[in-house]
C-alpha cells in the first residue's frame, strides 16, 4: 500500500499501533474502575472495599469492636483496613498493566502508563 513512500508505511503502522494502545489503555482504566479489592485488619473485623484504582467504596465494621474505651484501637483498625485496600488496589492495577504490556509485546520492565 505504501511501498513507494519510503518510511511513511512504517509511520502509518506506528500510528495505528499507538491508536490501538490508547484504546487498550482506556479500556484498562475502565476495567480498573470496576474491579474491587478488599483490605482487612483485625483478623477481618474491619474490611475496606476499594476499586483497583484506589477509590474507597465501602467500609464494613464488625459491631463487636465498638467499645467506647477502645476508640483509638477502632480508628487504627479502620485506617489499617483502608491502607490495606489501597495497597491491594495498587498491586492489582500494576498487575493488570503488566498483563496489558505483555499482550502488546512491550519488553519486560517497560511500565504502563509511560
PDB file of N, CA and C in Angstrom:
ATOM      1  N   UNK A   1       0.818  -1.195   0.000  1.00  0.00           N
ATOM      2  CA  UNK A   1       0.000   0.000   0.000  1.00  0.00           C
ATOM      3  C   UNK A   1       0.861   1.257   0.000  1.00  0.00           C
ATOM      4  N   UNK A   2       1.861   1.315   0.894  1.00  0.00           N
ATOM      5  CA  UNK A   2       2.732   2.485   0.972  1.00  0.00           C
ATOM      6  C   UNK A   2       4.131   2.159   0.435  1.00  0.00           C
ATOM      7  N   UNK A   3       4.220   1.223  -0.457  1.00  0.00           N
ATOM      8  CA  UNK A   3       5.510   0.691  -0.879  1.00  0.00           C
ATOM      9  C   UNK A   3       6.461   1.756  -1.432  1.00  0.00           C
ATOM     10  N   UNK A   4       5.972   2.652  -2.247  1.00  0.00           N
ATOM     11  CA  UNK A   4       6.839   3.650  -2.860  1.00  0.00           C
ATOM     12  C   UNK A   4       7.035   4.892  -2.008  1.00  0.00           C
ATOM     13  N   UNK A   5       6.532   4.906  -0.791  1.00  0.00           N
ATOM     14  CA  UNK A   5       6.597   6.117   0.030  1.00  0.00           C
ATOM     15  C   UNK A   5       7.673   6.057   1.107  1.00  0.00           C
ATOM     16  N   UNK A   6       8.576   5.139   1.015  1.00  0.00           N
ATOM     17  CA  UNK A   6       9.687   5.072   1.980  1.00  0.00           C
ATOM     18  C   UNK A   6       9.198   4.767   3.380  1.00  0.00           C
ATOM     19  N   UNK A   7       9.553   5.637   4.321  1.00  0.00           N
ATOM     20  CA  UNK A   7       9.243   5.425   5.731  1.00  0.00           C
ATOM     21  C   UNK A   7       7.809   5.730   6.106  1.00  0.00           C
ATOM     22  N   UNK A   8       7.007   6.245   5.194  1.00  0.00           N
ATOM     23  CA  UNK A   8       5.622   6.578   5.552  1.00  0.00           C
ATOM     24  C   UNK A   8       4.797   5.350   5.909  1.00  0.00           C
ATOM     25  N   UNK A   9       5.109   4.212   5.297  1.00  0.00           N
ATOM     26  CA  UNK A   9       4.404   2.971   5.630  1.00  0.00           C
ATOM     27  C   UNK A   9       4.655   2.586   7.072  1.00  0.00           C
ATOM     28  N   UNK A  10       5.905   2.716   7.498  1.00  0.00           N
ATOM     29  CA  UNK A  10       6.243   2.424   8.890  1.00  0.00           C
ATOM     30  C   UNK A  10       5.567   3.412   9.827  1.00  0.00           C
ATOM     31  N   UNK A  11       5.496   4.670   9.413  1.00  0.00           N
ATOM     32  CA  UNK A  11       4.851   5.703  10.233  1.00  0.00           C
ATOM     33  C   UNK A  11       3.361   5.388  10.397  1.00  0.00           C
ATOM     34  N   UNK A  12       2.713   4.965   9.325  1.00  0.00           N
ATOM     35  CA  UNK A  12       1.291   4.627   9.398  1.00  0.00           C
ATOM     36  C   UNK A  12       1.085   3.441  10.331  1.00  0.00           C
ATOM     37  N   UNK A  13       1.999   2.474  10.253  1.00  0.00           N
ATOM     38  CA  UNK A  13       1.904   1.303  11.122  1.00  0.00           C
ATOM     39  C   UNK A  13       2.082   1.710  12.586  1.00  0.00           C
ATOM     40  N   UNK A  14       3.058   2.617  12.837  1.00  0.00           N
ATOM     41  CA  UNK A  14       3.279   3.095  14.201  1.00  0.00           C
ATOM     42  C   UNK A  14       2.058   3.850  14.722  1.00  0.00           C
ATOM     43  N   UNK A  15       1.461   4.672  13.885  1.00  0.00           N
ATOM     44  CA  UNK A  15       0.280   5.441  14.294  1.00  0.00           C
ATOM     45  C   UNK A  15      -0.872   4.500  14.636  1.00  0.00           C
ATOM     46  N   UNK A  16      -1.044   3.469  13.832  1.00  0.00           N
ATOM     47  CA  UNK A  16      -2.105   2.506  14.095  1.00  0.00           C
ATOM     48  C   UNK A  16      -1.848   1.785  15.418  1.00  0.00           C
ATOM     49  N   UNK A  17      -0.599   1.403  15.650  1.00  0.00           N
ATOM     50  CA  UNK A  17      -0.243   0.739  16.912  1.00  0.00           C
ATOM     51  C   UNK A  17      -0.483   1.657  18.101  1.00  0.00           C
ATOM     52  N   UNK A  18      -0.136   2.928  17.944  1.00  0.00           N
ATOM     53  CA  UNK A  18      -0.349   3.895  19.026  1.00  0.00           C
ATOM     54  C   UNK A  18      -1.836   4.061  19.321  1.00  0.00           C
ATOM     55  N   UNK A  19      -2.654   4.082  18.290  1.00  0.00           N
ATOM     56  CA  UNK A  19      -4.100   4.200  18.493  1.00  0.00           C
ATOM     57  C   UNK A  19      -4.651   2.962  19.190  1.00  0.00           C
ATOM     58  N   UNK A  20      -4.171   1.796  18.804  1.00  0.00           N
ATOM     59  CA  UNK A  20      -4.608   0.560  19.456  1.00  0.00           C
ATOM     60  C   UNK A  20      -4.208   0.564  20.925  1.00  0.00           C
ATOM     61  N   UNK A  21      -2.981   1.014  21.207  1.00  0.00           N
ATOM     62  CA  UNK A  21      -2.505   1.076  22.574  1.00  0.00           C
ATOM     63  C   UNK A  21      -3.364   2.042  23.388  1.00  0.00           C
ATOM     64  N   UNK A  22      -3.680   3.171  22.803  1.00  0.00           N
ATOM     65  CA  UNK A  22      -4.506   4.159  23.503  1.00  0.00           C
ATOM     66  C   UNK A  22      -5.882   3.578  23.822  1.00  0.00           C
ATOM     67  N   UNK A  23      -6.463   2.850  22.879  1.00  0.00           N
ATOM     68  CA  UNK A  23      -7.758   2.214  23.118  1.00  0.00           C
ATOM     69  C   UNK A  23      -7.685   1.171  24.220  1.00  0.00           C
ATOM     70  N   UNK A  24      -6.620   0.378  24.216  1.00  0.00           N
ATOM     71  CA  UNK A  24      -6.448  -0.653  25.246  1.00  0.00           C
ATOM     72  C   UNK A  24      -6.239  -0.021  26.616  1.00  0.00           C
ATOM     73  N   UNK A  25      -5.501   1.085  26.656  1.00  0.00           N
ATOM     74  CA  UNK A  25      -5.277   1.777  27.934  1.00  0.00           C
ATOM     75  C   UNK A  25      -6.586   2.342  28.475  1.00  0.00           C
ATOM     76  N   UNK A  26      -7.401   2.916  27.596  1.00  0.00           N
ATOM     77  CA  UNK A  26      -8.697   3.458  28.027  1.00  0.00           C
ATOM     78  C   UNK A  26      -9.584   2.340  28.566  1.00  0.00           C
ATOM     79  N   UNK A  27      -9.581   1.194  27.876  1.00  0.00           N
ATOM     80  CA  UNK A  27     -10.378   0.056  28.339  1.00  0.00           C
ATOM     81  C   UNK A  27      -9.860  -0.440  29.687  1.00  0.00           C
ATOM     82  N   UNK A  28      -8.532  -0.470  29.850  1.00  0.00           N
ATOM     83  CA  UNK A  28      -7.947  -0.912  31.102  1.00  0.00           C
ATOM     84  C   UNK A  28      -8.358   0.011  32.250  1.00  0.00           C
ATOM     85  N   UNK A  29      -8.365   1.317  32.012  1.00  0.00           N
ATOM     86  CA  UNK A  29      -8.774   2.264  33.046  1.00  0.00           C
ATOM     87  C   UNK A  29     -10.226   2.012  33.454  1.00  0.00           C
ATOM     88  N   UNK A  30     -11.086   1.748  32.479  1.00  0.00           N
ATOM     89  CA  UNK A  30     -12.484   1.425  32.797  1.00  0.00           C
ATOM     90  C   UNK A  30     -12.574   0.132  33.601  1.00  0.00           C
ATOM     91  N   UNK A  31     -11.798  -0.869  33.192  1.00  0.00           N
ATOM     92  CA  UNK A  31     -11.810  -2.152  33.895  1.00  0.00           C
ATOM     93  C   UNK A  31     -11.338  -1.983  35.344  1.00  0.00           C
ATOM     94  N   UNK A  32     -10.279  -1.194  35.547  1.00  0.00           N
ATOM     95  CA  UNK A  32      -9.763  -0.977  36.901  1.00  0.00           C
ATOM     96  C   UNK A  32     -10.792  -0.276  37.784  1.00  0.00           C
ATOM     97  N   UNK A  33     -11.580   0.606  37.199  1.00  0.00           N
ATOM     98  CA  UNK A  33     -12.606   1.311  37.966  1.00  0.00           C
ATOM     99  C   UNK A  33     -13.724   0.365  38.399  1.00  0.00           C
ATOM    100  N   UNK A  34     -13.865  -0.771  37.702  1.00  0.00           N
ATOM    101  CA  UNK A  34     -14.926  -1.721  38.023  1.00  0.00           C
ATOM    102  C   UNK A  34     -14.448  -2.931  38.817  1.00  0.00           C
ATOM    103  N   UNK A  35     -13.129  -3.071  38.994  1.00  0.00           N
ATOM    104  CA  UNK A  35     -12.590  -4.179  39.799  1.00  0.00           C
ATOM    105  C   UNK A  35     -12.585  -3.770  41.267  1.00  0.00           C
ATOM    106  N   UNK A  36     -12.877  -4.716  42.132  1.00  0.00           N
ATOM    107  CA  UNK A  36     -12.883  -4.430  43.571  1.00  0.00           C
ATOM    108  C   UNK A  36     -11.806  -5.236  44.279  1.00  0.00           C
ATOM    109  N   UNK A  37     -11.239  -4.622  45.304  1.00  0.00           N
ATOM    110  CA  UNK A  37     -10.309  -5.304  46.200  1.00  0.00           C
ATOM    111  C   UNK A  37     -10.795  -5.046  47.618  1.00  0.00           C
ATOM    112  N   UNK A  38     -10.491  -5.966  48.522  1.00  0.00           N
ATOM    113  CA  UNK A  38     -10.917  -5.815  49.918  1.00  0.00           C
ATOM    114  C   UNK A  38      -9.691  -5.852  50.811  1.00  0.00           C
ATOM    115  N   UNK A  39      -9.531  -4.789  51.587  1.00  0.00           N
ATOM    116  CA  UNK A  39      -8.468  -4.725  52.581  1.00  0.00           C
ATOM    117  C   UNK A  39      -9.048  -5.059  53.942  1.00  0.00           C
ATOM    118  N   UNK A  40      -8.272  -5.729  54.762  1.00  0.00           N
ATOM    119  CA  UNK A  40      -8.763  -6.140  56.077  1.00  0.00           C
ATOM    120  C   UNK A  40      -7.778  -5.776  57.176  1.00  0.00           C
ATOM    121  N   UNK A  41      -8.316  -5.657  58.375  1.00  0.00           N
ATOM    122  CA  UNK A  41      -7.475  -5.517  59.558  1.00  0.00           C
ATOM    123  C   UNK A  41      -8.202  -6.162  60.728  1.00  0.00           C
ATOM    124  N   UNK A  42      -7.451  -6.409  61.795  1.00  0.00           N
ATOM    125  CA  UNK A  42      -8.065  -7.026  62.973  1.00  0.00           C
ATOM    126  C   UNK A  42      -8.662  -8.386  62.674  1.00  0.00           C
ATOM    127  N   UNK A  43      -7.954  -9.186  61.881  1.00  0.00           N
ATOM    128  CA  UNK A  43      -8.419 -10.533  61.510  1.00  0.00           C
ATOM    129  C   UNK A  43      -9.805 -10.492  60.875  1.00  0.00           C
ATOM    130  N   UNK A  44     -10.045  -9.471  60.060  1.00  0.00           N
ATOM    131  CA  UNK A  44     -11.312  -9.361  59.341  1.00  0.00           C
ATOM    132  C   UNK A  44     -12.394  -8.586  60.071  1.00  0.00           C
ATOM    133  N   UNK A  45     -12.089  -8.019  61.235  1.00  0.00           N
ATOM    134  CA  UNK A  45     -13.093  -7.240  61.964  1.00  0.00           C
ATOM    135  C   UNK A  45     -13.435  -5.944  61.237  1.00  0.00           C
ATOM    136  N   UNK A  46     -12.481  -5.405  60.488  1.00  0.00           N
ATOM    137  CA  UNK A  46     -12.721  -4.211  59.692  1.00  0.00           C
ATOM    138  C   UNK A  46     -12.312  -4.535  58.262  1.00  0.00           C
ATOM    139  N   UNK A  47     -13.225  -4.262  57.313  1.00  0.00           N
ATOM    140  CA  UNK A  47     -12.958  -4.516  55.902  1.00  0.00           C
ATOM    141  C   UNK A  47     -13.249  -3.245  55.109  1.00  0.00           C
ATOM    142  N   UNK A  48     -12.312  -2.900  54.233  1.00  0.00           N
ATOM    143  CA  UNK A  48     -12.479  -1.748  53.363  1.00  0.00           C
ATOM    144  C   UNK A  48     -12.486  -2.248  51.921  1.00  0.00           C
ATOM    145  N   UNK A  49     -13.495  -1.858  51.164  1.00  0.00           N
ATOM    146  CA  UNK A  49     -13.594  -2.239  49.767  1.00  0.00           C
ATOM    147  C   UNK A  49     -13.255  -1.020  48.914  1.00  0.00           C
ATOM    148  N   UNK A  50     -12.376  -1.222  47.935  1.00  0.00           N
ATOM    149  CA  UNK A  50     -11.967  -0.142  47.046  1.00  0.00           C
ATOM    150  C   UNK A  50     -11.926  -0.666  45.617  1.00  0.00           C
ATOM    151  N   UNK A  51     -11.961   0.268  44.665  1.00  0.00           N
ATOM    152  CA  UNK A  51     -11.744  -0.124  43.272  1.00  0.00           C
ATOM    153  C   UNK A  51     -10.257  -0.353  43.080  1.00  0.00           C
ATOM    154  N   UNK A  52      -9.893  -0.996  41.994  1.00  0.00           N
ATOM    155  CA  UNK A  52      -8.484  -1.217  41.701  1.00  0.00           C
ATOM    156  C   UNK A  52      -7.766   0.094  41.380  1.00  0.00           C
ATOM    157  N   UNK A  53      -8.533   1.169  41.218  1.00  0.00           N
ATOM    158  CA  UNK A  53      -7.932   2.490  41.039  1.00  0.00           C
ATOM    159  C   UNK A  53      -7.709   3.177  42.385  1.00  0.00           C
ATOM    160  N   UNK A  54      -8.151   2.530  43.490  1.00  0.00           N
ATOM    161  CA  UNK A  54      -7.900   3.053  44.823  1.00  0.00           C
ATOM    162  C   UNK A  54      -9.039   3.858  45.429  1.00  0.00           C
ATOM    163  N   UNK A  55     -10.177   3.923  44.762  1.00  0.00           N
ATOM    164  CA  UNK A  55     -11.317   4.682  45.294  1.00  0.00           C
ATOM    165  C   UNK A  55     -12.051   3.840  46.334  1.00  0.00           C
ATOM    166  N   UNK A  56     -12.129   4.345  47.551  1.00  0.00           N
ATOM    167  CA  UNK A  56     -12.813   3.640  48.635  1.00  0.00           C
ATOM    168  C   UNK A  56     -14.312   3.602  48.354  1.00  0.00           C
ATOM    169  N   UNK A  57     -14.897   2.400  48.386  1.00  0.00           N
ATOM    170  CA  UNK A  57     -16.314   2.225  48.070  1.00  0.00           C
ATOM    171  C   UNK A  57     -17.161   1.823  49.267  1.00  0.00           C
ATOM    172  N   UNK A  58     -16.581   1.065  50.194  1.00  0.00           N
ATOM    173  CA  UNK A  58     -17.373   0.589  51.326  1.00  0.00           C
ATOM    174  C   UNK A  58     -16.458   0.286  52.508  1.00  0.00           C
ATOM    175  N   UNK A  59     -17.071   0.339  53.678  1.00  0.00           N
ATOM    176  CA  UNK A  59     -16.373   0.033  54.917  1.00  0.00           C
ATOM    177  C   UNK A  59     -17.300  -0.847  55.746  1.00  0.00           C
ATOM    178  N   UNK A  60     -16.813  -2.012  56.166  1.00  0.00           N
ATOM    179  CA  UNK A  60     -17.609  -2.942  56.956  1.00  0.00           C
ATOM    180  C   UNK A  60     -16.905  -3.136  58.297  1.00  0.00           C
ATOM    181  N   UNK A  61     -17.607  -2.803  59.375  1.00  0.00           N
ATOM    182  CA  UNK A  61     -17.013  -2.884  60.710  1.00  0.00           C
ATOM    183  C   UNK A  61     -17.845  -3.829  61.565  1.00  0.00           C
ATOM    184  N   UNK A  62     -17.191  -4.834  62.103  1.00  0.00           N
ATOM    185  CA  UNK A  62     -17.873  -5.775  62.992  1.00  0.00           C
ATOM    186  C   UNK A  62     -18.276  -5.031  64.268  1.00  0.00           C
ATOM    187  N   UNK A  63     -19.546  -5.112  64.659  1.00  0.00           N
ATOM    188  CA  UNK A  63     -20.015  -4.369  65.840  1.00  0.00           C
ATOM    189  C   UNK A  63     -19.319  -4.739  67.145  1.00  0.00           C
ATOM    190  N   UNK A  64     -18.680  -5.883  67.186  1.00  0.00           N
ATOM    191  CA  UNK A  64     -18.036  -6.314  68.432  1.00  0.00           C
ATOM    192  C   UNK A  64     -16.867  -5.408  68.832  1.00  0.00           C
ATOM    193  N   UNK A  65     -16.363  -4.605  67.921  1.00  0.00           N
ATOM    194  CA  UNK A  65     -15.207  -3.770  68.270  1.00  0.00           C
ATOM    195  C   UNK A  65     -15.613  -2.405  68.819  1.00  0.00           C
ATOM    196  N   UNK A  66     -16.907  -2.123  68.891  1.00  0.00           N
ATOM    197  CA  UNK A  66     -17.342  -0.821  69.385  1.00  0.00           C
ATOM    198  C   UNK A  66     -17.391  -0.789  70.913  1.00  0.00           C
ATOM    199  N   UNK A  67     -16.285  -0.456  71.479  1.00  0.00           N
ATOM    200  CA  UNK A  67     -16.159  -0.283  72.918  1.00  0.00           C
ATOM    201  C   UNK A  67     -15.659   1.146  73.117  1.00  0.00           C
ATOM    202  N   UNK A  68     -16.425   1.983  73.815  1.00  0.00           N
ATOM    203  CA  UNK A  68     -16.021   3.393  73.976  1.00  0.00           C
ATOM    204  C   UNK A  68     -14.607   3.560  74.525  1.00  0.00           C
ATOM    205  N   UNK A  69     -14.136   2.605  75.291  1.00  0.00           N
ATOM    206  CA  UNK A  69     -12.795   2.685  75.853  1.00  0.00           C
ATOM    207  C   UNK A  69     -11.707   2.311  74.830  1.00  0.00           C
ATOM    208  N   UNK A  70     -12.116   1.774  73.697  1.00  0.00           N
ATOM    209  CA  UNK A  70     -11.182   1.303  72.680  1.00  0.00           C
ATOM    210  C   UNK A  70     -11.254   2.149  71.404  1.00  0.00           C
ATOM    211  N   UNK A  71     -11.663   3.400  71.523  1.00  0.00           N
ATOM    212  CA  UNK A  71     -11.841   4.279  70.371  1.00  0.00           C
ATOM    213  C   UNK A  71     -10.598   4.332  69.481  1.00  0.00           C
ATOM    214  N   UNK A  72      -9.427   4.501  70.070  1.00  0.00           N
ATOM    215  CA  UNK A  72      -8.197   4.604  69.284  1.00  0.00           C
ATOM    216  C   UNK A  72      -7.879   3.303  68.552  1.00  0.00           C
ATOM    217  N   UNK A  73      -8.186   2.181  69.178  1.00  0.00           N
ATOM    218  CA  UNK A  73      -7.961   0.886  68.538  1.00  0.00           C
ATOM    219  C   UNK A  73      -8.843   0.769  67.300  1.00  0.00           C
ATOM    220  N   UNK A  74     -10.112   1.149  67.433  1.00  0.00           N
ATOM    221  CA  UNK A  74     -11.045   1.085  66.301  1.00  0.00           C
ATOM    222  C   UNK A  74     -10.556   1.992  65.174  1.00  0.00           C
ATOM    223  N   UNK A  75     -10.132   3.198  65.512  1.00  0.00           N
ATOM    224  CA  UNK A  75      -9.626   4.125  64.496  1.00  0.00           C
ATOM    225  C   UNK A  75      -8.411   3.534  63.781  1.00  0.00           C
ATOM    226  N   UNK A  76      -7.519   2.931  64.548  1.00  0.00           N
ATOM    227  CA  UNK A  76      -6.327   2.307  63.959  1.00  0.00           C
ATOM    228  C   UNK A  76      -6.712   1.150  63.034  1.00  0.00           C
ATOM    229  N   UNK A  77      -7.687   0.346  63.452  1.00  0.00           N
ATOM    230  CA  UNK A  77      -8.139  -0.772  62.615  1.00  0.00           C
ATOM    231  C   UNK A  77      -8.751  -0.270  61.312  1.00  0.00           C
ATOM    232  N   UNK A  78      -9.529   0.808  61.398  1.00  0.00           N
ATOM    233  CA  UNK A  78     -10.143   1.377  60.197  1.00  0.00           C
ATOM    234  C   UNK A  78      -9.061   1.882  59.242  1.00  0.00           C
ATOM    235  N   UNK A  79      -8.110   2.627  59.763  1.00  0.00           N
ATOM    236  CA  UNK A  79      -7.018   3.130  58.920  1.00  0.00           C
ATOM    237  C   UNK A  79      -6.214   1.982  58.313  1.00  0.00           C
ATOM    238  N   UNK A  80      -5.957   0.959  59.095  1.00  0.00           N
ATOM    239  CA  UNK A  80      -5.188  -0.184  58.591  1.00  0.00           C
ATOM    240  C   UNK A  80      -5.926  -0.887  57.460  1.00  0.00           C
ATOM    241  N   UNK A  81      -7.244  -1.043  57.601  1.00  0.00           N
ATOM    242  CA  UNK A  81      -8.031  -1.703  56.551  1.00  0.00           C
ATOM    243  C   UNK A  81      -8.028  -0.867  55.271  1.00  0.00           C
ATOM    244  N   UNK A  82      -8.151   0.446  55.426  1.00  0.00           N
ATOM    245  CA  UNK A  82      -8.136   1.324  54.254  1.00  0.00           C
ATOM    246  C   UNK A  82      -6.773   1.270  53.573  1.00  0.00           C
ATOM    247  N   UNK A  83      -5.710   1.315  54.343  1.00  0.00           N
ATOM    248  CA  UNK A  83      -4.369   1.237  53.769  1.00  0.00           C
ATOM    249  C   UNK A  83      -4.149  -0.099  53.069  1.00  0.00           C
ATOM    250  N   UNK A  84      -4.667  -1.171  53.659  1.00  0.00           N
ATOM    251  CA  UNK A  84      -4.539  -2.491  53.046  1.00  0.00           C
ATOM    252  C   UNK A  84      -5.285  -2.526  51.714  1.00  0.00           C
ATOM    253  N   UNK A  85      -6.475  -1.955  51.676  1.00  0.00           N
ATOM    254  CA  UNK A  85      -7.249  -1.910  50.429  1.00  0.00           C
ATOM    255  C   UNK A  85      -6.517  -1.085  49.378  1.00  0.00           C
ATOM    256  N   UNK A  86      -5.942   0.036  49.776  1.00  0.00           N
ATOM    257  CA  UNK A  86      -5.210   0.873  48.833  1.00  0.00           C
ATOM    258  C   UNK A  86      -3.980   0.144  48.288  1.00  0.00           C
ATOM    259  N   UNK A  87      -3.283  -0.583  49.147  1.00  0.00           N
ATOM    260  CA  UNK A  87      -2.112  -1.350  48.716  1.00  0.00           C
ATOM    261  C   UNK A  87      -2.527  -2.437  47.725  1.00  0.00           C
ATOM    262  N   UNK A  88      -3.614  -3.145  48.037  1.00  0.00           N
ATOM    263  CA  UNK A  88      -4.097  -4.197  47.138  1.00  0.00           C
ATOM    264  C   UNK A  88      -4.561  -3.592  45.818  1.00  0.00           C
ATOM    265  N   UNK A  89      -5.175  -2.406  45.865  1.00  0.00           N
ATOM    266  CA  UNK A  89      -5.609  -1.726  44.638  1.00  0.00           C
ATOM    267  C   UNK A  89      -4.401  -1.395  43.771  1.00  0.00           C
ATOM    268  N   UNK A  90      -3.349  -0.904  44.389  1.00  0.00           N
ATOM    269  CA  UNK A  90      -2.136  -0.563  43.657  1.00  0.00           C
ATOM    270  C   UNK A  90      -1.516  -1.809  43.025  1.00  0.00           C
ATOM    271  N   UNK A  91      -1.458  -2.883  43.792  1.00  0.00           N
ATOM    272  CA  UNK A  91      -0.899  -4.135  43.280  1.00  0.00           C
ATOM    273  C   UNK A  91      -1.739  -4.672  42.128  1.00  0.00           C
ATOM    274  N   UNK A  92      -3.058  -4.603  42.253  1.00  0.00           N
ATOM    275  CA  UNK A  92      -3.947  -5.099  41.191  1.00  0.00           C
ATOM    276  C   UNK A  92      -3.776  -4.262  39.933  1.00  0.00           C
ATOM    277  N   UNK A  93      -3.700  -2.953  40.104  1.00  0.00           N
ATOM    278  CA  UNK A  93      -3.512  -2.055  38.970  1.00  0.00           C
ATOM    279  C   UNK A  93      -2.207  -2.359  38.253  1.00  0.00           C
ATOM    280  N   UNK A  94      -1.122  -2.509  39.013  1.00  0.00           N
ATOM    281  CA  UNK A  94       0.176  -2.815  38.414  1.00  0.00           C
ATOM    282  C   UNK A  94       0.152  -4.166  37.697  1.00  0.00           C
ATOM    283  N   UNK A  95      -0.510  -5.132  38.299  1.00  0.00           N
ATOM    284  CA  UNK A  95      -0.610  -6.464  37.700  1.00  0.00           C
ATOM    285  C   UNK A  95      -1.361  -6.406  36.370  1.00  0.00           C
ATOM    286  N   UNK A  96      -2.471  -5.670  36.343  1.00  0.00           N
ATOM    287  CA  UNK A  96      -3.259  -5.557  35.119  1.00  0.00           C
ATOM    288  C   UNK A  96      -2.494  -4.792  34.039  1.00  0.00           C
ATOM    289  N   UNK A  97      -1.769  -3.770  34.427  1.00  0.00           N
ATOM    290  CA  UNK A  97      -0.977  -3.007  33.461  1.00  0.00           C
ATOM    291  C   UNK A  97       0.154  -3.875  32.901  1.00  0.00           C
ATOM    292  N   UNK A  98       0.747  -4.703  33.752  1.00  0.00           N
ATOM    293  CA  UNK A  98       1.816  -5.600  33.298  1.00  0.00           C
ATOM    294  C   UNK A  98       1.269  -6.590  32.279  1.00  0.00           C
ATOM    295  N   UNK A  99       0.062  -7.146  32.553  1.00  0.00           N
ATOM    296  CA  UNK A  99      -0.546  -8.077  31.609  1.00  0.00           C
ATOM    297  C   UNK A  99      -0.790  -7.390  30.268  1.00  0.00           C
ATOM    298  N   UNK A 100      -1.288  -6.142  30.311  1.00  0.00           N
ATOM    299  CA  UNK A 100      -1.557  -5.401  29.085  1.00  0.00           C
ATOM    300  C   UNK A 100      -0.261  -5.161  28.317  1.00  0.00           C
ATOM    301  N   UNK A 101       0.800  -4.794  29.010  1.00  0.00           N
ATOM    302  CA  UNK A 101       2.094  -4.550  28.363  1.00  0.00           C
ATOM    303  C   UNK A 101       2.600  -5.825  27.685  1.00  0.00           C
ATOM    304  N   UNK A 102       2.430  -6.962  28.352  1.00  0.00           N
ATOM    305  CA  UNK A 102       2.857  -8.237  27.770  1.00  0.00           C
ATOM    306  C   UNK A 102       2.037  -8.568  26.532  1.00  0.00           C
ATOM    307  N   UNK A 103       0.723  -8.321  26.600  1.00  0.00           N
ATOM    308  CA  UNK A 103      -0.148  -8.580  25.450  1.00  0.00           C
ATOM    309  C   UNK A 103       0.234  -7.710  24.260  1.00  0.00           C
ATOM    310  N   UNK A 104       0.716  -6.512  24.540  1.00  0.00           N
ATOM    311  CA  UNK A 104       1.085  -5.586  23.471  1.00  0.00           C
ATOM    312  C   UNK A 104       2.504  -5.828  22.982  1.00  0.00           C
ATOM    313  N   UNK A 105       3.209  -6.781  23.585  1.00  0.00           N
ATOM    314  CA  UNK A 105       4.543  -7.124  23.147  1.00  0.00           C
ATOM    315  C   UNK A 105       5.626  -6.170  23.608  1.00  0.00           C
ATOM    316  N   UNK A 106       5.342  -5.400  24.661  1.00  0.00           N
ATOM    317  CA  UNK A 106       6.360  -4.494  25.177  1.00  0.00           C
ATOM    318  C   UNK A 106       7.400  -5.278  25.961  1.00  0.00           C
ATOM    319  N   UNK A 107       8.633  -4.800  25.975  1.00  0.00           N
ATOM    320  CA  UNK A 107       9.681  -5.527  26.709  1.00  0.00           C
ATOM    321  C   UNK A 107       9.444  -5.525  28.199  1.00  0.00           C
ATOM    322  N   UNK A 108       9.873  -6.574  28.911  1.00  0.00           N
ATOM    323  CA  UNK A 108       9.720  -6.628  30.365  1.00  0.00           C
ATOM    324  C   UNK A 108      10.355  -5.401  31.022  1.00  0.00           C
ATOM    325  N   UNK A 109       9.708  -4.888  32.033  1.00  0.00           N
ATOM    326  CA  UNK A 109      10.226  -3.737  32.743  1.00  0.00           C
ATOM    327  C   UNK A 109       9.743  -2.404  32.192  1.00  0.00           C
ATOM    328  N   UNK A 110       9.093  -2.419  31.046  1.00  0.00           N
ATOM    329  CA  UNK A 110       8.557  -1.179  30.485  1.00  0.00           C
ATOM    330  C   UNK A 110       7.164  -0.992  31.086  1.00  0.00           C
ATOM    331  N   UNK A 111       7.066  -0.060  32.016  1.00  0.00           N
ATOM    332  CA  UNK A 111       5.829   0.121  32.763  1.00  0.00           C
ATOM    333  C   UNK A 111       4.837   0.985  32.018  1.00  0.00           C
ATOM    334  N   UNK A 112       3.564   0.674  32.181  1.00  0.00           N
ATOM    335  CA  UNK A 112       2.468   1.487  31.660  1.00  0.00           C
ATOM    336  C   UNK A 112       1.808   2.192  32.822  1.00  0.00           C
ATOM    337  N   UNK A 113       1.226   3.331  32.676  1.00  0.00           N
ATOM    338  CA  UNK A 113       1.421   4.198  31.510  1.00  0.00           C
ATOM    339  C   UNK A 113       2.823   4.766  31.526  1.00  0.00           C
ATOM    340  N   UNK A 114       3.289   5.180  30.364  1.00  0.00           N
ATOM    341  CA  UNK A 114       4.674   5.650  30.184  1.00  0.00           C
ATOM    342  C   UNK A 114       4.911   6.921  30.948  1.00  0.00           C
TER     343      UNK A 114
END
